């Protein structure tokens, strides 16, 4: 009877350990999913930031070209 009781206790412990591992796995899976969502959001924000900076750069480049042309015109007038 001792052997059967010991085996039953070992089985119960193994089942509890398996349940704990499954809970940990579920928790880690959820955390990973949340981290992936955060990364996607950061990527979307970075893409928006890149687009905004690209537009600003285009605008400033246009101003620079206008200023450069104006300087050239002033030099030609002199």
N, C-alpha and C. Protein backbone atom coordinates (compact mmCIF):
# COMPACT_ATOMS: atom_id res chain seq x y z
N UNK A 1 0.83 -1.20 0.00
CA UNK A 1 0.00 0.00 0.00
C UNK A 1 0.87 1.26 0.00
N UNK A 2 2.01 1.21 0.64
CA UNK A 2 2.91 2.36 0.66
C UNK A 2 3.36 2.74 -0.75
N UNK A 3 3.67 1.77 -1.58
CA UNK A 3 4.11 2.02 -2.93
C UNK A 3 3.01 2.70 -3.74
N UNK A 4 1.79 2.22 -3.59
CA UNK A 4 0.66 2.82 -4.32
C UNK A 4 0.42 4.26 -3.85
N UNK A 5 0.52 4.50 -2.56
CA UNK A 5 0.32 5.85 -2.01
C UNK A 5 1.42 6.78 -2.50
N UNK A 6 2.66 6.28 -2.53
CA UNK A 6 3.77 7.09 -3.00
C UNK A 6 3.61 7.42 -4.47
N UNK A 7 3.20 6.44 -5.26
CA UNK A 7 2.99 6.67 -6.69
C UNK A 7 1.86 7.67 -6.93
N UNK A 8 0.82 7.57 -6.12
CA UNK A 8 -0.30 8.48 -6.24
C UNK A 8 0.14 9.91 -5.89
N UNK A 9 0.95 10.03 -4.85
CA UNK A 9 1.45 11.34 -4.45
C UNK A 9 2.36 11.92 -5.53
N UNK A 10 3.22 11.08 -6.12
CA UNK A 10 4.09 11.52 -7.21
C UNK A 10 3.27 11.97 -8.42
N UNK A 11 2.23 11.24 -8.72
CA UNK A 11 1.34 11.59 -9.83
C UNK A 11 0.65 12.92 -9.56
N UNK A 12 0.19 13.11 -8.33
CA UNK A 12 -0.47 14.37 -7.97
C UNK A 12 0.49 15.54 -8.11
N UNK A 13 1.72 15.37 -7.64
CA UNK A 13 2.74 16.42 -7.75
C UNK A 13 3.06 16.73 -9.21
N UNK A 14 3.18 15.69 -10.01
CA UNK A 14 3.48 15.87 -11.43
C UNK A 14 2.33 16.62 -12.11
N UNK A 15 1.11 16.30 -11.76
CA UNK A 15 -0.05 16.98 -12.34
C UNK A 15 -0.07 18.46 -11.93
N UNK A 16 0.26 18.72 -10.67
CA UNK A 16 0.30 20.11 -10.19
C UNK A 16 1.40 20.88 -10.90
N UNK A 17 2.55 20.24 -11.06
CA UNK A 17 3.67 20.88 -11.74
C UNK A 17 3.31 21.17 -13.20
N UNK A 18 2.65 20.21 -13.84
CA UNK A 18 2.22 20.40 -15.23
C UNK A 18 1.23 21.57 -15.33
N UNK A 19 0.31 21.65 -14.38
CA UNK A 19 -0.66 22.73 -14.37
C UNK A 19 0.04 24.08 -14.17
N UNK A 20 1.01 24.12 -13.27
CA UNK A 20 1.77 25.35 -13.04
C UNK A 20 2.53 25.77 -14.30
N UNK A 21 3.13 24.81 -14.97
CA UNK A 21 3.87 25.11 -16.20
C UNK A 21 2.94 25.62 -17.29
N UNK A 22 1.75 25.03 -17.39
CA UNK A 22 0.78 25.50 -18.38
C UNK A 22 0.35 26.93 -18.08
N UNK A 23 0.17 27.26 -16.79
CA UNK A 23 -0.20 28.62 -16.42
C UNK A 23 0.92 29.59 -16.76
N UNK A 24 2.16 29.19 -16.47
CA UNK A 24 3.31 30.04 -16.80
C UNK A 24 3.41 30.24 -18.32
N UNK A 25 3.19 29.16 -19.06
CA UNK A 25 3.25 29.25 -20.51
C UNK A 25 2.17 30.19 -21.04
N UNK A 26 0.97 30.10 -20.50
CA UNK A 26 -0.12 30.99 -20.92
C UNK A 26 0.22 32.44 -20.60
N UNK A 27 0.79 32.67 -19.41
CA UNK A 27 1.17 34.03 -19.01
C UNK A 27 2.26 34.58 -19.93
N UNK A 28 3.28 33.77 -20.21
CA UNK A 28 4.36 34.21 -21.10
C UNK A 28 3.85 34.45 -22.51
N UNK A 29 2.94 33.62 -22.95
CA UNK A 29 2.35 33.79 -24.27
C UNK A 29 1.60 35.11 -24.36
N UNK A 30 0.85 35.44 -23.33
CA UNK A 30 0.10 36.70 -23.30
C UNK A 30 1.07 37.89 -23.28
N UNK A 31 2.13 37.78 -22.48
CA UNK A 31 3.11 38.86 -22.41
C UNK A 31 3.80 39.06 -23.76
N UNK A 32 4.10 37.95 -24.44
CA UNK A 32 4.73 38.03 -25.75
C UNK A 32 3.80 38.69 -26.76
N UNK A 33 2.54 38.33 -26.70
CA UNK A 33 1.55 38.94 -27.60
C UNK A 33 1.45 40.44 -27.35
N UNK A 34 1.42 40.84 -26.08
CA UNK A 34 1.36 42.26 -25.73
C UNK A 34 2.62 42.99 -26.21
N UNK A 35 3.77 42.34 -26.07
CA UNK A 35 5.02 42.94 -26.53
C UNK A 35 5.01 43.11 -28.04
N UNK A 36 4.47 42.13 -28.76
CA UNK A 36 4.38 42.23 -30.22
C UNK A 36 3.47 43.38 -30.62
N UNK A 37 2.38 43.55 -29.90
CA UNK A 37 1.45 44.65 -30.19
C UNK A 37 2.16 45.98 -29.96
N UNK A 38 2.92 46.07 -28.88
CA UNK A 38 3.64 47.31 -28.58
C UNK A 38 4.67 47.60 -29.69
N UNK A 39 5.34 46.56 -30.17
CA UNK A 39 6.32 46.75 -31.23
C UNK A 39 5.63 47.23 -32.50
N UNK A 40 4.47 46.68 -32.82
CA UNK A 40 3.73 47.11 -34.00
C UNK A 40 3.31 48.56 -33.86
N UNK A 41 2.88 48.95 -32.65
CA UNK A 41 2.48 50.33 -32.42
C UNK A 41 3.67 51.26 -32.56
N UNK A 42 4.82 50.85 -32.05
CA UNK A 42 6.02 51.68 -32.19
C UNK A 42 6.39 51.81 -33.66
N UNK A 43 6.27 50.72 -34.39
CA UNK A 43 6.59 50.76 -35.81
C UNK A 43 5.64 51.72 -36.52
N UNK A 44 4.37 51.66 -36.19
CA UNK A 44 3.40 52.57 -36.80
C UNK A 44 3.76 54.01 -36.44
N UNK A 45 4.13 54.25 -35.21
CA UNK A 45 4.50 55.59 -34.79
C UNK A 45 5.78 56.05 -35.48
N UNK A 46 6.73 55.14 -35.63
CA UNK A 46 7.97 55.49 -36.32
C UNK A 46 7.68 55.80 -37.78
N UNK A 47 6.79 55.03 -38.39
CA UNK A 47 6.45 55.28 -39.79
C UNK A 47 5.80 56.65 -39.92
N UNK A 48 4.94 56.99 -38.99
CA UNK A 48 4.32 58.31 -39.01
C UNK A 48 5.37 59.40 -38.79
N UNK A 49 6.30 59.14 -37.89
CA UNK A 49 7.36 60.11 -37.63
C UNK A 49 8.23 60.31 -38.88
N UNK A 50 8.55 59.21 -39.53
CA UNK A 50 9.35 59.29 -40.76
C UNK A 50 8.61 60.11 -41.81
N UNK A 51 7.31 59.86 -41.95
CA UNK A 51 6.52 60.60 -42.94
C UNK A 51 6.49 62.10 -42.62
N UNK A 52 6.32 62.44 -41.34
CA UNK A 52 6.29 63.84 -40.93
C UNK A 52 7.64 64.50 -41.20
N UNK A 53 8.72 63.80 -40.88
CA UNK A 53 10.05 64.37 -41.10
C UNK A 53 10.35 64.48 -42.59
N UNK A 54 9.86 63.54 -43.37
CA UNK A 54 10.05 63.59 -44.82
C UNK A 54 9.36 64.83 -45.39
N UNK A 55 8.14 65.09 -44.92
CA UNK A 55 7.40 66.26 -45.39
C UNK A 55 8.12 67.55 -44.99
N UNK A 56 8.62 67.58 -43.75
CA UNK A 56 9.34 68.77 -43.27
C UNK A 56 10.62 68.97 -44.09
N UNK A 57 11.32 67.89 -44.36
CA UNK A 57 12.55 67.96 -45.15
C UNK A 57 12.25 68.47 -46.56
N UNK A 58 11.17 67.98 -47.15
CA UNK A 58 10.78 68.43 -48.49
C UNK A 58 10.49 69.93 -48.49
N UNK A 59 9.78 70.38 -47.46
CA UNK A 59 9.44 71.80 -47.34
C UNK A 59 10.72 72.64 -47.18
N UNK A 60 11.62 72.21 -46.31
CA UNK A 60 12.87 72.95 -46.08
C UNK A 60 13.77 72.91 -47.30
N UNK A 61 13.76 71.80 -48.01
CA UNK A 61 14.56 71.70 -49.23
C UNK A 61 14.05 72.70 -50.27
N UNK A 62 12.74 72.82 -50.36
CA UNK A 62 12.15 73.81 -51.27
C UNK A 62 12.56 75.22 -50.90
N UNK A 63 12.54 75.52 -49.61
CA UNK A 63 12.97 76.85 -49.14
C UNK A 63 14.44 77.09 -49.48
N UNK A 64 15.25 76.07 -49.26
CA UNK A 64 16.68 76.18 -49.54
C UNK A 64 16.91 76.45 -51.02
N UNK A 65 16.19 75.73 -51.89
CA UNK A 65 16.34 75.94 -53.33
C UNK A 65 15.92 77.35 -53.72
N UNK A 66 14.83 77.84 -53.11
CA UNK A 66 14.38 79.21 -53.39
C UNK A 66 15.42 80.22 -52.96
N UNK A 67 15.98 80.04 -51.77
CA UNK A 67 17.00 80.96 -51.27
C UNK A 67 18.24 80.91 -52.15
N UNK A 68 18.61 79.73 -52.57
CA UNK A 68 19.77 79.55 -53.44
C UNK A 68 19.55 80.26 -54.78
N UNK A 69 18.35 80.12 -55.34
CA UNK A 69 18.03 80.79 -56.61
C UNK A 69 18.03 82.30 -56.43
N UNK A 70 17.52 82.77 -55.31
CA UNK A 70 17.49 84.21 -55.04
C UNK A 70 18.91 84.76 -54.92
N UNK A 71 19.78 84.03 -54.25
CA UNK A 71 21.17 84.47 -54.12
C UNK A 71 21.83 84.50 -55.49
N UNK A 72 21.58 83.51 -56.32
CA UNK A 72 22.14 83.46 -57.66
C UNK A 72 21.65 84.67 -58.49
N UNK A 73 20.35 84.96 -58.38
CA UNK A 73 19.78 86.09 -59.10
C UNK A 73 20.41 87.42 -58.63
N UNK A 74 20.60 87.56 -57.33
CA UNK A 74 21.21 88.78 -56.79
C UNK A 74 22.66 88.93 -57.29
N UNK A 75 23.36 87.80 -57.36
CA UNK A 75 24.75 87.86 -57.85
C UNK A 75 24.78 88.24 -59.32
N UNK A 76 23.80 87.75 -60.09
CA UNK A 76 23.76 88.05 -61.52
C UNK A 76 23.40 89.53 -61.75
N UNK A 77 22.60 90.11 -60.88
CA UNK A 77 22.22 91.51 -61.00
C UNK A 77 23.40 92.44 -60.70
N UNK A 78 24.29 92.00 -59.85
CA UNK A 78 25.42 92.86 -59.45
C UNK A 78 26.46 93.01 -60.50
